[in-house]
Protein backbone atom coordinates (compact mmCIF):
# COMPACT_ATOMS: atom_id res chain seq x y z
CA MET A 1 2.51 5.08 17.84
CA LYS A 2 6.31 3.56 16.87
CA PRO A 3 8.12 6.10 14.46
CA TYR A 4 8.30 5.87 11.39
CA GLN A 5 10.41 2.52 9.62
CA PRO A 6 10.62 3.38 5.60
CA LEU A 7 9.91 0.87 3.32
CA ASN A 8 12.43 -0.97 1.59
CA CYS A 9 12.85 0.46 -2.20
CA ASP A 10 11.84 -2.46 -4.45
CA LEU A 11 9.00 -3.11 -2.13
CA HIS A 12 7.93 1.53 -3.08
CA ASP A 13 8.25 -0.25 -6.39
CA PHE A 14 5.29 -2.05 -6.81
CA LEU A 15 3.09 0.42 -4.82
CA GLU A 16 4.01 2.48 -7.62
CA ILE A 17 3.45 0.34 -9.94
CA ALA A 18 0.04 -0.73 -8.39
CA CYS A 19 -0.87 3.45 -8.08
CA MET A 20 0.12 3.90 -12.15
CA ARG A 21 -2.11 1.12 -13.11
CA GLY A 22 -4.53 1.72 -10.81
CA TYR A 23 -4.74 -1.88 -9.56
CA CYS A 24 -7.41 -3.29 -7.32
CA LEU A 25 -5.75 -4.30 -4.00
CA GLN A 26 -5.92 -6.77 -1.17
CA VAL A 27 -4.53 -4.29 1.02
CA GLU A 28 -3.59 -6.39 4.38
CA LEU A 29 -2.54 -3.92 7.18
CA LEU A 30 -0.15 -5.69 10.14
CA ASP A 31 -2.89 -4.50 12.85
CA GLY A 32 -5.91 -4.85 11.41
CA PRO A 33 -8.84 -6.30 9.22
CA SER A 34 -8.06 -6.21 5.15
CA PHE A 35 -10.03 -4.74 3.06
CA VAL A 36 -10.26 -3.73 -0.93
CA ALA A 37 -8.94 -0.37 -2.65
CA ARG A 38 -8.01 0.88 -5.27
CA ALA A 39 -4.52 2.26 -5.29
CA LEU A 40 -3.86 5.89 -6.13
CA ASN A 41 -0.89 7.41 -5.05
CA THR A 42 2.00 7.35 -2.79
CA ARG A 43 2.47 10.74 -0.17
CA THR A 44 4.97 12.10 1.69
CA ALA A 45 4.41 13.94 5.07
CA PRO A 46 6.86 17.12 5.98
CA SER A 47 7.77 14.55 8.86
CA LYS A 48 9.22 11.91 6.37
CA GLU A 49 6.22 9.77 6.95
CA GLU A 50 5.49 8.04 3.67
CA PHE A 51 1.76 6.64 3.30
CA PHE A 52 -0.05 4.58 1.01
CA VAL A 53 -3.11 6.99 -1.04
CA LEU A 54 -6.66 4.27 -1.89
CA GLU A 55 -9.81 4.20 -2.91
CA THR A 56 -11.96 2.42 -0.80
CA ALA A 57 -16.11 1.11 -0.95
CA SER A 58 -16.43 4.17 1.91
CA GLY A 59 -14.07 6.82 0.64
CA ARG A 60 -10.39 8.12 0.16
CA LYS A 61 -7.73 6.71 2.56
CA GLU A 62 -4.06 6.83 3.86
CA GLU A 63 -2.50 3.29 5.63
CA ARG A 64 0.96 4.45 6.47
CA LEU A 65 3.41 2.52 4.51
CA ASP A 66 5.19 0.28 7.57
CA ARG A 67 1.99 -0.77 9.05
CA LEU A 68 1.49 -3.38 5.37
CA LEU A 69 1.87 -6.29 6.31
CA ALA A 70 1.15 -7.15 2.16
CA ILE A 71 -0.65 -6.38 -1.22
CA THR A 72 -2.66 -8.50 -3.95
CA PRO A 73 -3.52 -6.66 -6.97
CA LEU A 74 -7.22 -8.08 -7.95
CA ASP A 75 -6.54 -7.33 -11.24
CA ALA A 76 -6.97 -10.20 -14.38
CA GLY A 77 -3.36 -9.35 -16.11
CA ALA A 78 -1.83 -7.66 -12.76
CA SER A 79 2.04 -7.51 -13.35
CA PHE A 80 2.70 -8.84 -9.63
CA GLY A 81 1.04 -10.76 -7.27
CA ARG A 82 1.13 -10.95 -3.50
CA ILE A 83 3.57 -9.02 -2.13
CA GLU A 84 4.47 -9.27 1.52
CA LEU A 85 5.67 -5.65 2.78
CA ALA A 86 6.46 -6.12 6.51
CA GLY A 87 9.77 -6.76 8.32
CA SER A 88 11.44 -4.74 5.09
């Protein structure tokens, strides 16, 4: 896996909002299929890599932030729409 590339702080705010509000999201990855999950939290590993903690139908999973292409809230009345995270 390539070295971790931190996410732009402005974009990180959208992940925090999604977690605080418990949004159900369509999560798109750079190198994999998209999936639906509920935003739970973000986590920083001792290595300084950051992860998005999600609850899926098959259980809890973590995605490294630099693997995320985009997130789209599926909740009615969400405070933001599709956010592209890649290339930040």
